[in-house]
Amino acid sequence: MKRAEQYHVMIVSSTGDKPVFNMGPGLLRLIIFIFILVIIALAVLAYLVLDAYRVEHELR
């Protein structure tokens, strides 16, 4: 989380007093968590689709 904090400080310092993204590390963690879940779901879905496609071609 150090890098995100540095990035946050950099944004704040470049825009003056008001930060562009007014969110704490908790919200950032939540976004990252949701992003990882979406990636995992897409990977599983792609695997299932490809597996079904392969099985269908083997049956013919």
PDB file of N, CA and C in Angstrom:
ATOM      1  N   MET A   1       0.834  -1.217   0.000  1.00  0.00           N
ATOM      2  CA  MET A   1       0.000   0.000   0.000  1.00  0.00           C
ATOM      3  C   MET A   1       0.871   1.270   0.000  1.00  0.00           C
ATOM      4  N   LYS A   2       2.161   1.115   0.143  1.00  0.00           N
ATOM      5  CA  LYS A   2       3.047   2.283   0.178  1.00  0.00           C
ATOM      6  C   LYS A   2       2.988   3.049  -1.143  1.00  0.00           C
ATOM      7  N   ARG A   3       2.985   2.309  -2.253  1.00  0.00           N
ATOM      8  CA  ARG A   3       3.000   2.940  -3.567  1.00  0.00           C
ATOM      9  C   ARG A   3       1.731   3.763  -3.783  1.00  0.00           C
ATOM     10  N   ALA A   4       0.587   3.213  -3.366  1.00  0.00           N
ATOM     11  CA  ALA A   4      -0.683   3.929  -3.518  1.00  0.00           C
ATOM     12  C   ALA A   4      -0.676   5.216  -2.701  1.00  0.00           C
ATOM     13  N   GLU A   5      -0.080   5.151  -1.503  1.00  0.00           N
ATOM     14  CA  GLU A   5      -0.006   6.343  -0.651  1.00  0.00           C
ATOM     15  C   GLU A   5       0.883   7.406  -1.280  1.00  0.00           C
ATOM     16  N   GLN A   6       2.010   6.975  -1.853  1.00  0.00           N
ATOM     17  CA  GLN A   6       2.898   7.917  -2.534  1.00  0.00           C
ATOM     18  C   GLN A   6       2.168   8.555  -3.718  1.00  0.00           C
ATOM     19  N   TYR A   7       1.425   7.736  -4.451  1.00  0.00           N
ATOM     20  CA  TYR A   7       0.664   8.223  -5.599  1.00  0.00           C
ATOM     21  C   TYR A   7      -0.374   9.241  -5.146  1.00  0.00           C
ATOM     22  N   HIS A   8      -1.037   8.939  -4.027  1.00  0.00           N
ATOM     23  CA  HIS A   8      -2.051   9.827  -3.470  1.00  0.00           C
ATOM     24  C   HIS A   8      -1.416  11.164  -3.080  1.00  0.00           C
ATOM     25  N   VAL A   9      -0.263  11.095  -2.433  1.00  0.00           N
ATOM     26  CA  VAL A   9       0.451  12.310  -2.024  1.00  0.00           C
ATOM     27  C   VAL A   9       0.866  13.109  -3.256  1.00  0.00           C
ATOM     28  N   MET A  10       1.323  12.405  -4.297  1.00  0.00           N
ATOM     29  CA  MET A  10       1.744  13.060  -5.528  1.00  0.00           C
ATOM     30  C   MET A  10       0.574  13.807  -6.164  1.00  0.00           C
ATOM     31  N   ILE A  11      -0.608  13.170  -6.210  1.00  0.00           N
ATOM     32  CA  ILE A  11      -1.801  13.806  -6.769  1.00  0.00           C
ATOM     33  C   ILE A  11      -2.164  15.046  -5.957  1.00  0.00           C
ATOM     34  N   VAL A  12      -2.138  14.916  -4.643  1.00  0.00           N
ATOM     35  CA  VAL A  12      -2.497  16.037  -3.763  1.00  0.00           C
ATOM     36  C   VAL A  12      -1.531  17.206  -3.970  1.00  0.00           C
ATOM     37  N   SER A  13      -0.235  16.889  -4.062  1.00  0.00           N
ATOM     38  CA  SER A  13       0.755  17.956  -4.184  1.00  0.00           C
ATOM     39  C   SER A  13       0.679  18.627  -5.563  1.00  0.00           C
ATOM     40  N   SER A  14       0.288  17.880  -6.590  1.00  0.00           N
ATOM     41  CA  SER A  14       0.242  18.451  -7.936  1.00  0.00           C
ATOM     42  C   SER A  14      -1.001  19.320  -8.155  1.00  0.00           C
ATOM     43  N   THR A  15      -2.062  19.072  -7.385  1.00  0.00           N
ATOM     44  CA  THR A  15      -3.300  19.833  -7.577  1.00  0.00           C
ATOM     45  C   THR A  15      -3.517  20.884  -6.490  1.00  0.00           C
ATOM     46  N   GLY A  16      -2.581  21.012  -5.564  1.00  0.00           N
ATOM     47  CA  GLY A  16      -2.747  21.989  -4.492  1.00  0.00           C
ATOM     48  C   GLY A  16      -3.346  21.334  -3.259  1.00  0.00           C
ATOM     49  N   ASP A  17      -4.349  21.965  -2.648  1.00  0.00           N
ATOM     50  CA  ASP A  17      -4.897  21.471  -1.389  1.00  0.00           C
ATOM     51  C   ASP A  17      -5.854  20.308  -1.592  1.00  0.00           C
ATOM     52  N   LYS A  18      -6.735  20.424  -2.611  1.00  0.00           N
ATOM     53  CA  LYS A  18      -7.789  19.423  -2.760  1.00  0.00           C
ATOM     54  C   LYS A  18      -7.277  18.213  -3.552  1.00  0.00           C
ATOM     55  N   PRO A  19      -7.445  17.011  -3.013  1.00  0.00           N
ATOM     56  CA  PRO A  19      -7.081  15.818  -3.788  1.00  0.00           C
ATOM     57  C   PRO A  19      -8.108  15.537  -4.883  1.00  0.00           C
ATOM     58  N   VAL A  20      -7.632  14.997  -6.002  1.00  0.00           N
ATOM     59  CA  VAL A  20      -8.534  14.660  -7.111  1.00  0.00           C
ATOM     60  C   VAL A  20      -9.432  13.501  -6.698  1.00  0.00           C
ATOM     61  N   PHE A  21      -8.788  12.445  -6.174  1.00  0.00           N
ATOM     62  CA  PHE A  21      -9.550  11.291  -5.702  1.00  0.00           C
ATOM     63  C   PHE A  21      -9.688  11.410  -4.196  1.00  0.00           C
ATOM     64  N   ASN A  22     -10.875  11.736  -3.730  1.00  0.00           N
ATOM     65  CA  ASN A  22     -11.078  11.916  -2.286  1.00  0.00           C
ATOM     66  C   ASN A  22     -11.515  10.582  -1.681  1.00  0.00           C
ATOM     67  N   MET A  23     -10.587   9.623  -1.663  1.00  0.00           N
ATOM     68  CA  MET A  23     -10.923   8.318  -1.106  1.00  0.00           C
ATOM     69  C   MET A  23      -9.776   7.793  -0.261  1.00  0.00           C
ATOM     70  N   GLY A  24     -10.155   7.074   0.772  1.00  0.00           N
ATOM     71  CA  GLY A  24      -9.154   6.516   1.669  1.00  0.00           C
ATOM     72  C   GLY A  24      -8.606   5.204   1.139  1.00  0.00           C
ATOM     73  N   PRO A  25      -7.641   4.629   1.858  1.00  0.00           N
ATOM     74  CA  PRO A  25      -7.055   3.349   1.439  1.00  0.00           C
ATOM     75  C   PRO A  25      -8.052   2.196   1.497  1.00  0.00           C
ATOM     76  N   GLY A  26      -9.091   2.322   2.344  1.00  0.00           N
ATOM     77  CA  GLY A  26     -10.096   1.264   2.429  1.00  0.00           C
ATOM     78  C   GLY A  26     -10.868   1.113   1.121  1.00  0.00           C
ATOM     79  N   LEU A  27     -11.275   2.242   0.541  1.00  0.00           N
ATOM     80  CA  LEU A  27     -12.013   2.218  -0.722  1.00  0.00           C
ATOM     81  C   LEU A  27     -11.120   1.712  -1.845  1.00  0.00           C
ATOM     82  N   LEU A  28      -9.859   2.121  -1.811  1.00  0.00           N
ATOM     83  CA  LEU A  28      -8.900   1.674  -2.821  1.00  0.00           C
ATOM     84  C   LEU A  28      -8.734   0.157  -2.756  1.00  0.00           C
ATOM     85  N   ARG A  29      -8.635  -0.366  -1.524  1.00  0.00           N
ATOM     86  CA  ARG A  29      -8.522  -1.814  -1.347  1.00  0.00           C
ATOM     87  C   ARG A  29      -9.757  -2.518  -1.865  1.00  0.00           C
ATOM     88  N   LEU A  30     -10.930  -1.941  -1.622  1.00  0.00           N
ATOM     89  CA  LEU A  30     -12.185  -2.528  -2.089  1.00  0.00           C
ATOM     90  C   LEU A  30     -12.213  -2.592  -3.608  1.00  0.00           C
ATOM     91  N   ILE A  31     -11.788  -1.510  -4.264  1.00  0.00           N
ATOM     92  CA  ILE A  31     -11.758  -1.468  -5.730  1.00  0.00           C
ATOM     93  C   ILE A  31     -10.805  -2.532  -6.269  1.00  0.00           C
ATOM     94  N   ILE A  32      -9.615  -2.646  -5.652  1.00  0.00           N
ATOM     95  CA  ILE A  32      -8.640  -3.650  -6.089  1.00  0.00           C
ATOM     96  C   ILE A  32      -9.198  -5.056  -5.896  1.00  0.00           C
ATOM     97  N   PHE A  33      -9.879  -5.279  -4.770  1.00  0.00           N
ATOM     98  CA  PHE A  33     -10.468  -6.585  -4.468  1.00  0.00           C
ATOM     99  C   PHE A  33     -11.520  -6.955  -5.507  1.00  0.00           C
ATOM    100  N   ILE A  34     -12.411  -6.001  -5.842  1.00  0.00           N
ATOM    101  CA  ILE A  34     -13.449  -6.242  -6.842  1.00  0.00           C
ATOM    102  C   ILE A  34     -12.813  -6.514  -8.201  1.00  0.00           C
ATOM    103  N   PHE A  35     -11.769  -5.758  -8.535  1.00  0.00           N
ATOM    104  CA  PHE A  35     -11.057  -5.926  -9.807  1.00  0.00           C
ATOM    105  C   PHE A  35     -10.482  -7.340  -9.922  1.00  0.00           C
ATOM    106  N   ILE A  36      -9.854  -7.823  -8.838  1.00  0.00           N
ATOM    107  CA  ILE A  36      -9.284  -9.177  -8.826  1.00  0.00           C
ATOM    108  C   ILE A  36     -10.387 -10.223  -8.972  1.00  0.00           C
ATOM    109  N   LEU A  37     -11.516 -10.026  -8.280  1.00  0.00           N
ATOM    110  CA  LEU A  37     -12.640 -10.960  -8.387  1.00  0.00           C
ATOM    111  C   LEU A  37     -13.161 -11.028  -9.810  1.00  0.00           C
ATOM    112  N   VAL A  38     -13.271  -9.874 -10.463  1.00  0.00           N
ATOM    113  CA  VAL A  38     -13.752  -9.829 -11.850  1.00  0.00           C
ATOM    114  C   VAL A  38     -12.791 -10.574 -12.772  1.00  0.00           C
ATOM    115  N   ILE A  39     -11.490 -10.380 -12.579  1.00  0.00           N
ATOM    116  CA  ILE A  39     -10.489 -11.070 -13.398  1.00  0.00           C
ATOM    117  C   ILE A  39     -10.591 -12.587 -13.213  1.00  0.00           C
ATOM    118  N   ILE A  40     -10.736 -13.031 -11.966  1.00  0.00           N
ATOM    119  CA  ILE A  40     -10.859 -14.464 -11.687  1.00  0.00           C
ATOM    120  C   ILE A  40     -12.124 -15.024 -12.344  1.00  0.00           C
ATOM    121  N   ALA A  41     -13.235 -14.289 -12.214  1.00  0.00           N
ATOM    122  CA  ALA A  41     -14.499 -14.735 -12.804  1.00  0.00           C
ATOM    123  C   ALA A  41     -14.368 -14.848 -14.324  1.00  0.00           C
ATOM    124  N   LEU A  42     -13.738 -13.877 -14.956  1.00  0.00           N
ATOM    125  CA  LEU A  42     -13.547 -13.907 -16.410  1.00  0.00           C
ATOM    126  C   LEU A  42     -12.653 -15.075 -16.820  1.00  0.00           C
ATOM    127  N   ALA A  43     -11.616 -15.334 -16.035  1.00  0.00           N
ATOM    128  CA  ALA A  43     -10.711 -16.442 -16.347  1.00  0.00           C
ATOM    129  C   ALA A  43     -11.442 -17.781 -16.263  1.00  0.00           C
ATOM    130  N   VAL A  44     -12.250 -17.961 -15.209  1.00  0.00           N
ATOM    131  CA  VAL A  44     -13.016 -19.205 -15.047  1.00  0.00           C
ATOM    132  C   VAL A  44     -14.022 -19.357 -16.186  1.00  0.00           C
ATOM    133  N   LEU A  45     -14.701 -18.283 -16.522  1.00  0.00           N
ATOM    134  CA  LEU A  45     -15.685 -18.305 -17.600  1.00  0.00           C
ATOM    135  C   LEU A  45     -15.032 -18.670 -18.934  1.00  0.00           C
ATOM    136  N   ALA A  46     -13.895 -18.041 -19.218  1.00  0.00           N
ATOM    137  CA  ALA A  46     -13.178 -18.324 -20.462  1.00  0.00           C
ATOM    138  C   ALA A  46     -12.733 -19.788 -20.493  1.00  0.00           C
ATOM    139  N   TYR A  47     -12.254 -20.305 -19.363  1.00  0.00           N
ATOM    140  CA  TYR A  47     -11.826 -21.697 -19.290  1.00  0.00           C
ATOM    141  C   TYR A  47     -12.993 -22.642 -19.557  1.00  0.00           C
ATOM    142  N   LEU A  48     -14.143 -22.364 -18.943  1.00  0.00           N
ATOM    143  CA  LEU A  48     -15.315 -23.224 -19.126  1.00  0.00           C
ATOM    144  C   LEU A  48     -15.795 -23.199 -20.578  1.00  0.00           C
ATOM    145  N   VAL A  49     -15.810 -22.014 -21.175  1.00  0.00           N
ATOM    146  CA  VAL A  49     -16.251 -21.886 -22.572  1.00  0.00           C
ATOM    147  C   VAL A  49     -15.308 -22.652 -23.486  1.00  0.00           C
ATOM    148  N   LEU A  50     -14.012 -22.481 -23.297  1.00  0.00           N
ATOM    149  CA  LEU A  50     -13.030 -23.169 -24.139  1.00  0.00           C
ATOM    150  C   LEU A  50     -13.102 -24.677 -23.939  1.00  0.00           C
ATOM    151  N   ASP A  51     -13.306 -25.110 -22.695  1.00  0.00           N
ATOM    152  CA  ASP A  51     -13.400 -26.535 -22.394  1.00  0.00           C
ATOM    153  C   ASP A  51     -14.627 -27.146 -23.069  1.00  0.00           C
ATOM    154  N   ALA A  52     -15.753 -26.466 -22.977  1.00  0.00           N
ATOM    155  CA  ALA A  52     -16.983 -26.951 -23.618  1.00  0.00           C
ATOM    156  C   ALA A  52     -16.803 -26.995 -25.130  1.00  0.00           C
ATOM    157  N   TYR A  53     -16.146 -25.993 -25.687  1.00  0.00           N
ATOM    158  CA  TYR A  53     -15.894 -25.923 -27.123  1.00  0.00           C
ATOM    159  C   TYR A  53     -15.021 -27.097 -27.574  1.00  0.00           C
ATOM    160  N   ARG A  54     -13.984 -27.401 -26.776  1.00  0.00           N
ATOM    161  CA  ARG A  54     -13.071 -28.495 -27.102  1.00  0.00           C
ATOM    162  C   ARG A  54     -13.795 -29.850 -27.034  1.00  0.00           C
ATOM    163  N   VAL A  55     -14.599 -30.054 -25.990  1.00  0.00           N
ATOM    164  CA  VAL A  55     -15.337 -31.309 -25.824  1.00  0.00           C
ATOM    165  C   VAL A  55     -16.303 -31.512 -26.991  1.00  0.00           C
ATOM    166  N   GLU A  56     -16.960 -30.421 -27.388  1.00  0.00           N
ATOM    167  CA  GLU A  56     -17.920 -30.491 -28.482  1.00  0.00           C
ATOM    168  C   GLU A  56     -17.235 -30.908 -29.776  1.00  0.00           C
ATOM    169  N   HIS A  57     -16.019 -30.410 -29.999  1.00  0.00           N
ATOM    170  CA  HIS A  57     -15.287 -30.762 -31.209  1.00  0.00           C
ATOM    171  C   HIS A  57     -14.754 -32.185 -31.158  1.00  0.00           C
ATOM    172  N   GLU A  58     -14.452 -32.693 -29.974  1.00  0.00           N
ATOM    173  CA  GLU A  58     -13.969 -34.069 -29.857  1.00  0.00           C
ATOM    174  C   GLU A  58     -15.096 -35.061 -30.118  1.00  0.00           C
ATOM    175  N   LEU A  59     -16.330 -34.685 -29.782  1.00  0.00           N
ATOM    176  CA  LEU A  59     -17.461 -35.587 -29.960  1.00  0.00           C
ATOM    177  C   LEU A  59     -17.806 -35.776 -31.442  1.00  0.00           C
ATOM    178  N   ARG A  60     -17.555 -34.743 -32.245  1.00  0.00           N
ATOM    179  CA  ARG A  60     -17.910 -34.849 -33.668  1.00  0.00           C
ATOM    180  C   ARG A  60     -16.965 -35.743 -34.432  1.00  0.00           C
TER     181      ARG A  60
END
